[in-house]
Amino acid sequence: MKFFSSIIVTAILAFSMGLVLPWWSISLAGFISGVLFKQSKFVSFLSVFIAVALFWGLMAFFISTSNNHILAHRISLLIIKKDNPYLLILITSLIGGLTAGISALTGQSLVVLVKKS
C-alpha cells in the first residue's frame, strides 16, 4: 500500500511543483517522498522512479503530439542522431526517473542516518 501511495504522492508533488518551480523540482518531490514514506531504499527508489518516469514520459508525449512531434524530430536528430521522437521521450523519462529516484535514496538515507544518531 505504501508503494502505490508513494507513487501517487510523488506524481502529484512533481506536477504541482513543476507548475511554479524549474525542472529540477522533481528532485525535491523525490526527496520529500523518500523522507515521508518509510520503505526500504530499493522500494523507495523504485516507487519514485516509476512515478516520475511515467509522469515525465506522459507529459513529454502529450506535449510532443500536440505539435505533431516537430520539435522532437529535430532534437532527436541532434542528440541521438536518429529521427525517432519516441526514443527521445523514453530517454527524457529515464533521466527524470533517475534524478528523482536518486533524490528519494538521499531522503531515505537521511531518515536512516537521523534514526541512528
PDB file of N, CA and C in Angstrom:
ATOM      1  N   MET A   1       0.821  -1.195   0.000  1.00  0.00           N
ATOM      2  CA  MET A   1       0.000   0.000   0.000  1.00  0.00           C
ATOM      3  C   MET A   1       0.872   1.269   0.000  1.00  0.00           C
ATOM      4  N   LYS A   2       1.985   1.222   0.768  1.00  0.00           N
ATOM      5  CA  LYS A   2       2.880   2.378   0.791  1.00  0.00           C
ATOM      6  C   LYS A   2       3.495   2.621  -0.583  1.00  0.00           C
ATOM      7  N   PHE A   3       3.728   1.529  -1.315  1.00  0.00           N
ATOM      8  CA  PHE A   3       4.347   1.640  -2.637  1.00  0.00           C
ATOM      9  C   PHE A   3       3.475   2.473  -3.572  1.00  0.00           C
ATOM     10  N   PHE A   4       2.186   2.136  -3.650  1.00  0.00           N
ATOM     11  CA  PHE A   4       1.286   2.869  -4.542  1.00  0.00           C
ATOM     12  C   PHE A   4       0.994   4.270  -4.024  1.00  0.00           C
ATOM     13  N   SER A   5       0.930   4.417  -2.712  1.00  0.00           N
ATOM     14  CA  SER A   5       0.748   5.755  -2.142  1.00  0.00           C
ATOM     15  C   SER A   5       1.937   6.644  -2.465  1.00  0.00           C
ATOM     16  N   SER A   6       3.119   6.068  -2.396  1.00  0.00           N
ATOM     17  CA  SER A   6       4.314   6.826  -2.727  1.00  0.00           C
ATOM     18  C   SER A   6       4.328   7.255  -4.189  1.00  0.00           C
ATOM     19  N   ILE A   7       3.886   6.367  -5.078  1.00  0.00           N
ATOM     20  CA  ILE A   7       3.820   6.701  -6.499  1.00  0.00           C
ATOM     21  C   ILE A   7       2.853   7.857  -6.734  1.00  0.00           C
ATOM     22  N   ILE A   8       1.683   7.781  -6.139  1.00  0.00           N
ATOM     23  CA  ILE A   8       0.663   8.810  -6.349  1.00  0.00           C
ATOM     24  C   ILE A   8       1.104  10.147  -5.763  1.00  0.00           C
ATOM     25  N   VAL A   9       1.610  10.120  -4.537  1.00  0.00           N
ATOM     26  CA  VAL A   9       2.033  11.371  -3.891  1.00  0.00           C
ATOM     27  C   VAL A   9       3.200  12.000  -4.648  1.00  0.00           C
ATOM     28  N   THR A  10       4.136  11.193  -5.087  1.00  0.00           N
ATOM     29  CA  THR A  10       5.287  11.725  -5.833  1.00  0.00           C
ATOM     30  C   THR A  10       4.846  12.348  -7.154  1.00  0.00           C
ATOM     31  N   ALA A  11       3.946  11.695  -7.856  1.00  0.00           N
ATOM     32  CA  ALA A  11       3.459  12.258  -9.122  1.00  0.00           C
ATOM     33  C   ALA A  11       2.724  13.579  -8.897  1.00  0.00           C
ATOM     34  N   ILE A  12       1.919  13.634  -7.862  1.00  0.00           N
ATOM     35  CA  ILE A  12       1.196  14.878  -7.558  1.00  0.00           C
ATOM     36  C   ILE A  12       2.166  15.978  -7.159  1.00  0.00           C
ATOM     37  N   LEU A  13       3.146  15.638  -6.311  1.00  0.00           N
ATOM     38  CA  LEU A  13       4.151  16.633  -5.919  1.00  0.00           C
ATOM     39  C   LEU A  13       4.964  17.120  -7.117  1.00  0.00           C
ATOM     40  N   ALA A  14       5.374  16.198  -7.969  1.00  0.00           N
ATOM     41  CA  ALA A  14       6.165  16.579  -9.142  1.00  0.00           C
ATOM     42  C   ALA A  14       5.365  17.492 -10.067  1.00  0.00           C
ATOM     43  N   PHE A  15       4.093  17.178 -10.238  1.00  0.00           N
ATOM     44  CA  PHE A  15       3.258  18.019 -11.101  1.00  0.00           C
ATOM     45  C   PHE A  15       3.057  19.398 -10.496  1.00  0.00           C
ATOM     46  N   SER A  16       2.680  19.449  -9.223  1.00  0.00           N
ATOM     47  CA  SER A  16       2.380  20.740  -8.606  1.00  0.00           C
ATOM     48  C   SER A  16       3.631  21.598  -8.458  1.00  0.00           C
ATOM     49  N   MET A  17       4.762  20.983  -8.124  1.00  0.00           N
ATOM     50  CA  MET A  17       5.996  21.766  -8.034  1.00  0.00           C
ATOM     51  C   MET A  17       6.465  22.213  -9.412  1.00  0.00           C
ATOM     52  N   GLY A  18       6.222  21.395 -10.421  1.00  0.00           N
ATOM     53  CA  GLY A  18       6.625  21.741 -11.772  1.00  0.00           C
ATOM     54  C   GLY A  18       5.872  22.918 -12.348  1.00  0.00           C
ATOM     55  N   LEU A  19       4.741  23.243 -11.770  1.00  0.00           N
ATOM     56  CA  LEU A  19       3.977  24.398 -12.245  1.00  0.00           C
ATOM     57  C   LEU A  19       4.641  25.718 -11.880  1.00  0.00           C
ATOM     58  N   VAL A  20       5.353  25.750 -10.760  1.00  0.00           N
ATOM     59  CA  VAL A  20       5.917  27.014 -10.285  1.00  0.00           C
ATOM     60  C   VAL A  20       7.431  27.001 -10.148  1.00  0.00           C
ATOM     61  N   LEU A  21       8.057  25.828 -10.166  1.00  0.00           N
ATOM     62  CA  LEU A  21       9.497  25.711  -9.981  1.00  0.00           C
ATOM     63  C   LEU A  21      10.151  25.158 -11.246  1.00  0.00           C
ATOM     64  N   PRO A  22      11.472  25.245 -11.350  1.00  0.00           N
ATOM     65  CA  PRO A  22      12.173  24.705 -12.526  1.00  0.00           C
ATOM     66  C   PRO A  22      12.079  23.178 -12.602  1.00  0.00           C
ATOM     67  N   TRP A  23      12.671  22.611 -13.649  1.00  0.00           N
ATOM     68  CA  TRP A  23      12.556  21.181 -13.911  1.00  0.00           C
ATOM     69  C   TRP A  23      13.120  20.338 -12.781  1.00  0.00           C
ATOM     70  N   TRP A  24      14.125  20.815 -12.068  1.00  0.00           N
ATOM     71  CA  TRP A  24      14.762  20.018 -11.035  1.00  0.00           C
ATOM     72  C   TRP A  24      13.915  19.908  -9.772  1.00  0.00           C
ATOM     73  N   SER A  25      12.726  20.480  -9.789  1.00  0.00           N
ATOM     74  CA  SER A  25      11.834  20.330  -8.636  1.00  0.00           C
ATOM     75  C   SER A  25      11.384  18.875  -8.459  1.00  0.00           C
ATOM     76  N   ILE A  26      11.561  18.047  -9.484  1.00  0.00           N
ATOM     77  CA  ILE A  26      11.266  16.625  -9.309  1.00  0.00           C
ATOM     78  C   ILE A  26      12.198  16.010  -8.282  1.00  0.00           C
ATOM     79  N   SER A  27      13.390  16.576  -8.130  1.00  0.00           N
ATOM     80  CA  SER A  27      14.300  16.107  -7.090  1.00  0.00           C
ATOM     81  C   SER A  27      13.731  16.388  -5.710  1.00  0.00           C
ATOM     82  N   LEU A  28      13.132  17.545  -5.554  1.00  0.00           N
ATOM     83  CA  LEU A  28      12.500  17.867  -4.276  1.00  0.00           C
ATOM     84  C   LEU A  28      11.332  16.934  -3.992  1.00  0.00           C
ATOM     85  N   ALA A  29      10.552  16.633  -5.016  1.00  0.00           N
ATOM     86  CA  ALA A  29       9.428  15.713  -4.844  1.00  0.00           C
ATOM     87  C   ALA A  29       9.918  14.327  -4.452  1.00  0.00           C
ATOM     88  N   GLY A  30      10.973  13.859  -5.081  1.00  0.00           N
ATOM     89  CA  GLY A  30      11.550  12.568  -4.736  1.00  0.00           C
ATOM     90  C   GLY A  30      12.117  12.550  -3.328  1.00  0.00           C
ATOM     91  N   PHE A  31      12.794  13.618  -2.946  1.00  0.00           N
ATOM     92  CA  PHE A  31      13.365  13.712  -1.605  1.00  0.00           C
ATOM     93  C   PHE A  31      12.269  13.693  -0.551  1.00  0.00           C
ATOM     94  N   ILE A  32      11.208  14.460  -0.774  1.00  0.00           N
ATOM     95  CA  ILE A  32      10.096  14.500   0.178  1.00  0.00           C
ATOM     96  C   ILE A  32       9.440  13.130   0.300  1.00  0.00           C
ATOM     97  N   SER A  33       9.246  12.459  -0.805  1.00  0.00           N
ATOM     98  CA  SER A  33       8.660  11.115  -0.755  1.00  0.00           C
ATOM     99  C   SER A  33       9.576  10.131  -0.044  1.00  0.00           C
ATOM    100  N   GLY A  34      10.873  10.268  -0.247  1.00  0.00           N
ATOM    101  CA  GLY A  34      11.821   9.402   0.432  1.00  0.00           C
ATOM    102  C   GLY A  34      11.813   9.598   1.937  1.00  0.00           C
ATOM    103  N   VAL A  35      11.580  10.824   2.373  1.00  0.00           N
ATOM    104  CA  VAL A  35      11.518  11.112   3.807  1.00  0.00           C
ATOM    105  C   VAL A  35      10.175  10.685   4.394  1.00  0.00           C
ATOM    106  N   LEU A  36       9.096  10.936   3.672  1.00  0.00           N
ATOM    107  CA  LEU A  36       7.753  10.678   4.218  1.00  0.00           C
ATOM    108  C   LEU A  36       7.407   9.205   4.314  1.00  0.00           C
ATOM    109  N   PHE A  37       7.737   8.428   3.309  1.00  0.00           N
ATOM    110  CA  PHE A  37       7.324   7.026   3.265  1.00  0.00           C
ATOM    111  C   PHE A  37       8.462   6.138   3.761  1.00  0.00           C
ATOM    112  N   LYS A  38       8.189   5.413   4.828  1.00  0.00           N
ATOM    113  CA  LYS A  38       9.198   4.529   5.418  1.00  0.00           C
ATOM    114  C   LYS A  38       9.219   3.211   4.649  1.00  0.00           C
ATOM    115  N   GLN A  39      10.128   3.120   3.699  1.00  0.00           N
ATOM    116  CA  GLN A  39      10.281   1.936   2.865  1.00  0.00           C
ATOM    117  C   GLN A  39      11.759   1.593   2.807  1.00  0.00           C
ATOM    118  N   SER A  40      12.057   0.433   2.262  1.00  0.00           N
ATOM    119  CA  SER A  40      13.475   0.108   2.042  1.00  0.00           C
ATOM    120  C   SER A  40      14.027   1.037   0.958  1.00  0.00           C
ATOM    121  N   LYS A  41      15.336   1.094   0.879  1.00  0.00           N
ATOM    122  CA  LYS A  41      15.949   2.017  -0.081  1.00  0.00           C
ATOM    123  C   LYS A  41      15.594   1.654  -1.513  1.00  0.00           C
ATOM    124  N   PHE A  42      15.603   0.365  -1.823  1.00  0.00           N
ATOM    125  CA  PHE A  42      15.273  -0.064  -3.180  1.00  0.00           C
ATOM    126  C   PHE A  42      13.821   0.252  -3.529  1.00  0.00           C
ATOM    127  N   VAL A  43      12.903  -0.028  -2.616  1.00  0.00           N
ATOM    128  CA  VAL A  43      11.481   0.222  -2.879  1.00  0.00           C
ATOM    129  C   VAL A  43      11.218   1.723  -2.981  1.00  0.00           C
ATOM    130  N   SER A  44      11.904   2.505  -2.155  1.00  0.00           N
ATOM    131  CA  SER A  44      11.757   3.958  -2.227  1.00  0.00           C
ATOM    132  C   SER A  44      12.240   4.482  -3.579  1.00  0.00           C
ATOM    133  N   PHE A  45      13.419   4.010  -4.015  1.00  0.00           N
ATOM    134  CA  PHE A  45      13.936   4.402  -5.320  1.00  0.00           C
ATOM    135  C   PHE A  45      12.980   3.983  -6.425  1.00  0.00           C
ATOM    136  N   LEU A  46      12.518   2.742  -6.371  1.00  0.00           N
ATOM    137  CA  LEU A  46      11.671   2.205  -7.433  1.00  0.00           C
ATOM    138  C   LEU A  46      10.341   2.942  -7.531  1.00  0.00           C
ATOM    139  N   SER A  47       9.704   3.222  -6.409  1.00  0.00           N
ATOM    140  CA  SER A  47       8.399   3.889  -6.453  1.00  0.00           C
ATOM    141  C   SER A  47       8.517   5.303  -7.008  1.00  0.00           C
ATOM    142  N   VAL A  48       9.541   6.020  -6.586  1.00  0.00           N
ATOM    143  CA  VAL A  48       9.724   7.391  -7.080  1.00  0.00           C
ATOM    144  C   VAL A  48      10.166   7.374  -8.536  1.00  0.00           C
ATOM    145  N   PHE A  49      11.023   6.430  -8.902  1.00  0.00           N
ATOM    146  CA  PHE A  49      11.441   6.305 -10.294  1.00  0.00           C
ATOM    147  C   PHE A  49      10.238   6.063 -11.204  1.00  0.00           C
ATOM    148  N   ILE A  50       9.385   5.128 -10.825  1.00  0.00           N
ATOM    149  CA  ILE A  50       8.195   4.826 -11.634  1.00  0.00           C
ATOM    150  C   ILE A  50       7.291   6.040 -11.735  1.00  0.00           C
ATOM    151  N   ALA A  51       7.072   6.718 -10.618  1.00  0.00           N
ATOM    152  CA  ALA A  51       6.171   7.877 -10.614  1.00  0.00           C
ATOM    153  C   ALA A  51       6.656   8.974 -11.548  1.00  0.00           C
ATOM    154  N   VAL A  52       7.910   9.344 -11.431  1.00  0.00           N
ATOM    155  CA  VAL A  52       8.421  10.458 -12.231  1.00  0.00           C
ATOM    156  C   VAL A  52       8.662  10.045 -13.676  1.00  0.00           C
ATOM    157  N   ALA A  53       9.120   8.830 -13.896  1.00  0.00           N
ATOM    158  CA  ALA A  53       9.338   8.381 -15.277  1.00  0.00           C
ATOM    159  C   ALA A  53       8.008   8.342 -16.032  1.00  0.00           C
ATOM    160  N   LEU A  54       6.968   7.834 -15.408  1.00  0.00           N
ATOM    161  CA  LEU A  54       5.651   7.834 -16.061  1.00  0.00           C
ATOM    162  C   LEU A  54       5.132   9.252 -16.256  1.00  0.00           C
ATOM    163  N   PHE A  55       5.279  10.070 -15.221  1.00  0.00           N
ATOM    164  CA  PHE A  55       4.796  11.448 -15.301  1.00  0.00           C
ATOM    165  C   PHE A  55       5.512  12.220 -16.407  1.00  0.00           C
ATOM    166  N   TRP A  56       6.838  12.183 -16.413  1.00  0.00           N
ATOM    167  CA  TRP A  56       7.591  12.912 -17.440  1.00  0.00           C
ATOM    168  C   TRP A  56       7.377  12.326 -18.823  1.00  0.00           C
ATOM    169  N   GLY A  57       7.301  11.015 -18.907  1.00  0.00           N
ATOM    170  CA  GLY A  57       7.074  10.377 -20.203  1.00  0.00           C
ATOM    171  C   GLY A  57       5.724  10.755 -20.795  1.00  0.00           C
ATOM    172  N   LEU A  58       4.695  10.722 -19.959  1.00  0.00           N
ATOM    173  CA  LEU A  58       3.359  11.092 -20.445  1.00  0.00           C
ATOM    174  C   LEU A  58       3.276  12.567 -20.797  1.00  0.00           C
ATOM    175  N   MET A  59       3.878  13.413 -19.950  1.00  0.00           N
ATOM    176  CA  MET A  59       3.856  14.850 -20.252  1.00  0.00           C
ATOM    177  C   MET A  59       4.616  15.143 -21.551  1.00  0.00           C
ATOM    178  N   ALA A  60       5.766  14.534 -21.724  1.00  0.00           N
ATOM    179  CA  ALA A  60       6.547  14.747 -22.950  1.00  0.00           C
ATOM    180  C   ALA A  60       5.788  14.225 -24.167  1.00  0.00           C
ATOM    181  N   PHE A  61       5.136  13.087 -24.019  1.00  0.00           N
ATOM    182  CA  PHE A  61       4.368  12.532 -25.136  1.00  0.00           C
ATOM    183  C   PHE A  61       3.205  13.435 -25.518  1.00  0.00           C
ATOM    184  N   PHE A  62       2.452  13.915 -24.532  1.00  0.00           N
ATOM    185  CA  PHE A  62       1.303  14.770 -24.844  1.00  0.00           C
ATOM    186  C   PHE A  62       1.732  16.118 -25.413  1.00  0.00           C
ATOM    187  N   ILE A  63       2.802  16.673 -24.897  1.00  0.00           N
ATOM    188  CA  ILE A  63       3.298  17.939 -25.442  1.00  0.00           C
ATOM    189  C   ILE A  63       3.817  17.732 -26.863  1.00  0.00           C
ATOM    190  N   SER A  64       4.503  16.621 -27.095  1.00  0.00           N
ATOM    191  CA  SER A  64       5.063  16.358 -28.416  1.00  0.00           C
ATOM    192  C   SER A  64       3.978  16.048 -29.447  1.00  0.00           C
ATOM    193  N   THR A  65       2.943  15.317 -29.053  1.00  0.00           N
ATOM    194  CA  THR A  65       1.877  15.004 -30.010  1.00  0.00           C
ATOM    195  C   THR A  65       1.009  16.216 -30.318  1.00  0.00           C
ATOM    196  N   SER A  66       0.993  17.192 -29.427  1.00  0.00           N
ATOM    197  CA  SER A  66       0.173  18.376 -29.696  1.00  0.00           C
ATOM    198  C   SER A  66       0.733  19.201 -30.853  1.00  0.00           C
ATOM    199  N   ASN A  67       2.031  19.053 -31.154  1.00  0.00           N
ATOM    200  CA  ASN A  67       2.596  19.765 -32.304  1.00  0.00           C
ATOM    201  C   ASN A  67       3.153  18.795 -33.351  1.00  0.00           C
ATOM    202  N   ASN A  68       2.597  17.592 -33.396  1.00  0.00           N
ATOM    203  CA  ASN A  68       2.971  16.566 -34.382  1.00  0.00           C
ATOM    204  C   ASN A  68       4.458  16.215 -34.349  1.00  0.00           C
ATOM    205  N   HIS A  69       5.055  16.258 -33.168  1.00  0.00           N
ATOM    206  CA  HIS A  69       6.449  15.856 -32.942  1.00  0.00           C
ATOM    207  C   HIS A  69       7.451  16.682 -33.753  1.00  0.00           C
ATOM    208  N   ILE A  70       7.115  17.905 -34.093  1.00  0.00           N
ATOM    209  CA  ILE A  70       8.019  18.726 -34.906  1.00  0.00           C
ATOM    210  C   ILE A  70       9.339  18.969 -34.177  1.00  0.00           C
ATOM    211  N   LEU A  71       9.258  19.449 -32.945  1.00  0.00           N
ATOM    212  CA  LEU A  71      10.475  19.731 -32.190  1.00  0.00           C
ATOM    213  C   LEU A  71      11.187  18.441 -31.805  1.00  0.00           C
ATOM    214  N   ALA A  72      10.445  17.409 -31.456  1.00  0.00           N
ATOM    215  CA  ALA A  72      11.059  16.139 -31.045  1.00  0.00           C
ATOM    216  C   ALA A  72      11.852  15.504 -32.194  1.00  0.00           C
ATOM    217  N   HIS A  73      11.362  15.640 -33.425  1.00  0.00           N
ATOM    218  CA  HIS A  73      12.113  15.125 -34.577  1.00  0.00           C
ATOM    219  C   HIS A  73      13.458  15.835 -34.699  1.00  0.00           C
ATOM    220  N   ARG A  74      13.452  17.148 -34.557  1.00  0.00           N
ATOM    221  CA  ARG A  74      14.686  17.911 -34.718  1.00  0.00           C
ATOM    222  C   ARG A  74      15.667  17.663 -33.577  1.00  0.00           C
ATOM    223  N   ILE A  75      15.157  17.622 -32.356  1.00  0.00           N
ATOM    224  CA  ILE A  75      16.032  17.401 -31.207  1.00  0.00           C
ATOM    225  C   ILE A  75      16.584  15.984 -31.212  1.00  0.00           C
ATOM    226  N   SER A  76      15.780  15.012 -31.628  1.00  0.00           N
ATOM    227  CA  SER A  76      16.290  13.632 -31.680  1.00  0.00           C
ATOM    228  C   SER A  76      17.404  13.488 -32.715  1.00  0.00           C
ATOM    229  N   LEU A  77      17.308  14.241 -33.797  1.00  0.00           N
ATOM    230  CA  LEU A  77      18.407  14.230 -34.772  1.00  0.00           C
ATOM    231  C   LEU A  77      19.681  14.822 -34.180  1.00  0.00           C
ATOM    232  N   LEU A  78      19.543  15.840 -33.346  1.00  0.00           N
ATOM    233  CA  LEU A  78      20.710  16.469 -32.736  1.00  0.00           C
ATOM    234  C   LEU A  78      21.326  15.609 -31.636  1.00  0.00           C
ATOM    235  N   ILE A  79      20.491  15.012 -30.802  1.00  0.00           N
ATOM    236  CA  ILE A  79      21.006  14.323 -29.618  1.00  0.00           C
ATOM    237  C   ILE A  79      21.351  12.867 -29.892  1.00  0.00           C
ATOM    238  N   ILE A  80      20.426  12.116 -30.480  1.00  0.00           N
ATOM    239  CA  ILE A  80      20.664  10.676 -30.650  1.00  0.00           C
ATOM    240  C   ILE A  80      21.010  10.299 -32.089  1.00  0.00           C
ATOM    241  N   LYS A  81      21.077  11.293 -32.961  1.00  0.00           N
ATOM    242  CA  LYS A  81      21.485  11.097 -34.366  1.00  0.00           C
ATOM    243  C   LYS A  81      20.537  10.202 -35.152  1.00  0.00           C
ATOM    244  N   LYS A  82      19.320  10.048 -34.678  1.00  0.00           N
ATOM    245  CA  LYS A  82      18.291   9.293 -35.393  1.00  0.00           C
ATOM    246  C   LYS A  82      16.983  10.066 -35.297  1.00  0.00           C
ATOM    247  N   ASP A  83      16.184   9.953 -36.331  1.00  0.00           N
ATOM    248  CA  ASP A  83      14.894  10.638 -36.339  1.00  0.00           C
ATOM    249  C   ASP A  83      13.856   9.750 -35.651  1.00  0.00           C
ATOM    250  N   ASN A  84      13.885   9.746 -34.315  1.00  0.00           N
ATOM    251  CA  ASN A  84      12.980   8.912 -33.543  1.00  0.00           C
ATOM    252  C   ASN A  84      12.519   9.684 -32.309  1.00  0.00           C
ATOM    253  N   PRO A  85      11.392  10.401 -32.394  1.00  0.00           N
ATOM    254  CA  PRO A  85      10.938  11.187 -31.248  1.00  0.00           C
ATOM    255  C   PRO A  85      10.513  10.321 -30.063  1.00  0.00           C
ATOM    256  N   TYR A  86      10.097   9.092 -30.311  1.00  0.00           N
ATOM    257  CA  TYR A  86       9.657   8.231 -29.211  1.00  0.00           C
ATOM    258  C   TYR A  86      10.844   7.780 -28.358  1.00  0.00           C
ATOM    259  N   LEU A  87      11.992   7.562 -28.997  1.00  0.00           N
ATOM    260  CA  LEU A  87      13.191   7.232 -28.237  1.00  0.00           C
ATOM    261  C   LEU A  87      13.636   8.430 -27.400  1.00  0.00           C
ATOM    262  N   LEU A  88      13.477   9.624 -27.929  1.00  0.00           N
ATOM    263  CA  LEU A  88      13.801  10.832 -27.181  1.00  0.00           C
ATOM    264  C   LEU A  88      12.888  10.970 -25.968  1.00  0.00           C
ATOM    265  N   ILE A  89      11.602  10.659 -26.124  1.00  0.00           N
ATOM    266  CA  ILE A  89      10.661  10.709 -25.000  1.00  0.00           C
ATOM    267  C   ILE A  89      11.053   9.671 -23.948  1.00  0.00           C
ATOM    268  N   LEU A  90      11.473   8.489 -24.382  1.00  0.00           N
ATOM    269  CA  LEU A  90      11.916   7.448 -23.448  1.00  0.00           C
ATOM    270  C   LEU A  90      13.157   7.897 -22.678  1.00  0.00           C
ATOM    271  N   ILE A  91      14.104   8.484 -23.368  1.00  0.00           N
ATOM    272  CA  ILE A  91      15.320   8.974 -22.703  1.00  0.00           C
ATOM    273  C   ILE A  91      14.974  10.077 -21.707  1.00  0.00           C
ATOM    274  N   THR A  92      14.058  10.955 -22.086  1.00  0.00           N
ATOM    275  CA  THR A  92      13.619  12.021 -21.199  1.00  0.00           C
ATOM    276  C   THR A  92      13.000  11.464 -19.924  1.00  0.00           C
ATOM    277  N   SER A  93      12.146  10.460 -20.066  1.00  0.00           N
ATOM    278  CA  SER A  93      11.501   9.890 -18.882  1.00  0.00           C
ATOM    279  C   SER A  93      12.504   9.143 -18.009  1.00  0.00           C
ATOM    280  N   LEU A  94      13.499   8.487 -18.614  1.00  0.00           N
ATOM    281  CA  LEU A  94      14.522   7.795 -17.821  1.00  0.00           C
ATOM    282  C   LEU A  94      15.387   8.782 -17.043  1.00  0.00           C
ATOM    283  N   ILE A  95      15.728   9.901 -17.648  1.00  0.00           N
ATOM    284  CA  ILE A  95      16.526  10.916 -16.951  1.00  0.00           C
ATOM    285  C   ILE A  95      15.740  11.492 -15.777  1.00  0.00           C
ATOM    286  N   GLY A  96      14.484  11.792 -15.981  1.00  0.00           N
ATOM    287  CA  GLY A  96      13.660  12.297 -14.889  1.00  0.00           C
ATOM    288  C   GLY A  96      13.494  11.274 -13.779  1.00  0.00           C
ATOM    289  N   GLY A  97      13.265  10.018 -14.148  1.00  0.00           N
ATOM    290  CA  GLY A  97      13.098   8.971 -13.151  1.00  0.00           C
ATOM    291  C   GLY A  97      14.359   8.739 -12.339  1.00  0.00           C
ATOM    292  N   LEU A  98      15.518   8.733 -13.000  1.00  0.00           N
ATOM    293  CA  LEU A  98      16.782   8.556 -12.279  1.00  0.00           C
ATOM    294  C   LEU A  98      17.072   9.726 -11.346  1.00  0.00           C
ATOM    295  N   THR A  99      16.792  10.933 -11.799  1.00  0.00           N
ATOM    296  CA  THR A  99      17.016  12.116 -10.967  1.00  0.00           C
ATOM    297  C   THR A  99      16.175  12.061  -9.701  1.00  0.00           C
ATOM    298  N   ALA A 100      14.912  11.771  -9.852  1.00  0.00           N
ATOM    299  CA  ALA A 100      14.024  11.716  -8.690  1.00  0.00           C
ATOM    300  C   ALA A 100      14.312  10.496  -7.826  1.00  0.00           C
ATOM    301  N   GLY A 101      14.650   9.374  -8.444  1.00  0.00           N
ATOM    302  CA  GLY A 101      14.951   8.168  -7.678  1.00  0.00           C
ATOM    303  C   GLY A 101      16.172   8.334  -6.799  1.00  0.00           C
ATOM    304  N   ILE A 102      17.203   8.972  -7.320  1.00  0.00           N
ATOM    305  CA  ILE A 102      18.404   9.224  -6.515  1.00  0.00           C
ATOM    306  C   ILE A 102      18.086  10.193  -5.383  1.00  0.00           C
ATOM    307  N   SER A 103      17.214  11.137  -5.616  1.00  0.00           N
ATOM    308  CA  SER A 103      16.797  12.044  -4.552  1.00  0.00           C
ATOM    309  C   SER A 103      16.002  11.308  -3.483  1.00  0.00           C
ATOM    310  N   ALA A 104      15.194  10.336  -3.892  1.00  0.00           N
ATOM    311  CA  ALA A 104      14.462   9.529  -2.914  1.00  0.00           C
ATOM    312  C   ALA A 104      15.429   8.701  -2.070  1.00  0.00           C
ATOM    313  N   LEU A 105      16.475   8.161  -2.705  1.00  0.00           N
ATOM    314  CA  LEU A 105      17.507   7.440  -1.950  1.00  0.00           C
ATOM    315  C   LEU A 105      18.179   8.362  -0.935  1.00  0.00           C
ATOM    316  N   THR A 106      18.429   9.592  -1.330  1.00  0.00           N
ATOM    317  CA  THR A 106      19.033  10.557  -0.423  1.00  0.00           C
ATOM    318  C   THR A 106      18.117  10.829   0.766  1.00  0.00           C
ATOM    319  N   GLY A 107      16.828  11.026   0.504  1.00  0.00           N
ATOM    320  CA  GLY A 107      15.877  11.263   1.584  1.00  0.00           C
ATOM    321  C   GLY A 107      15.745  10.063   2.508  1.00  0.00           C
ATOM    322  N   GLN A 108      15.703   8.875   1.933  1.00  0.00           N
ATOM    323  CA  GLN A 108      15.609   7.651   2.734  1.00  0.00           C
ATOM    324  C   GLN A 108      16.869   7.459   3.563  1.00  0.00           C
ATOM    325  N   SER A 109      18.032   7.739   3.009  1.00  0.00           N
ATOM    326  CA  SER A 109      19.287   7.622   3.759  1.00  0.00           C
ATOM    327  C   SER A 109      19.360   8.635   4.891  1.00  0.00           C
ATOM    328  N   LEU A 110      18.817   9.820   4.673  1.00  0.00           N
ATOM    329  CA  LEU A 110      18.778  10.829   5.728  1.00  0.00           C
ATOM    330  C   LEU A 110      17.927  10.355   6.896  1.00  0.00           C
ATOM    331  N   VAL A 111      16.809   9.732   6.612  1.00  0.00           N
ATOM    332  CA  VAL A 111      15.946   9.206   7.665  1.00  0.00           C
ATOM    333  C   VAL A 111      16.672   8.136   8.462  1.00  0.00           C
ATOM    334  N   VAL A 112      17.360   7.242   7.768  1.00  0.00           N
ATOM    335  CA  VAL A 112      18.104   6.175   8.443  1.00  0.00           C
ATOM    336  C   VAL A 112      19.236   6.776   9.282  1.00  0.00           C
ATOM    337  N   LEU A 113      19.922   7.775   8.770  1.00  0.00           N
ATOM    338  CA  LEU A 113      21.020   8.414   9.479  1.00  0.00           C
ATOM    339  C   LEU A 113      20.532   9.114  10.737  1.00  0.00           C
ATOM    340  N   VAL A 114      19.401   9.793  10.648  1.00  0.00           N
ATOM    341  CA  VAL A 114      18.856  10.500  11.801  1.00  0.00           C
ATOM    342  C   VAL A 114      18.391   9.509  12.869  1.00  0.00           C
ATOM    343  N   LYS A 115      17.830   8.366  12.456  1.00  0.00           N
ATOM    344  CA  LYS A 115      17.403   7.346  13.404  1.00  0.00           C
ATOM    345  C   LYS A 115      18.576   6.768  14.193  1.00  0.00           C
ATOM    346  N   LYS A 116      19.715   6.594  13.532  1.00  0.00           N
ATOM    347  CA  LYS A 116      20.888   6.007  14.181  1.00  0.00           C
ATOM    348  C   LYS A 116      21.527   6.937  15.193  1.00  0.00           C
ATOM    349  N   SER A 117      21.432   8.228  14.969  1.00  0.00           N
ATOM    350  CA  SER A 117      22.089   9.166  15.887  1.00  0.00           C
ATOM    351  C   SER A 117      21.198   9.585  17.034  1.00  0.00           C
TER     352      SER A 117
END
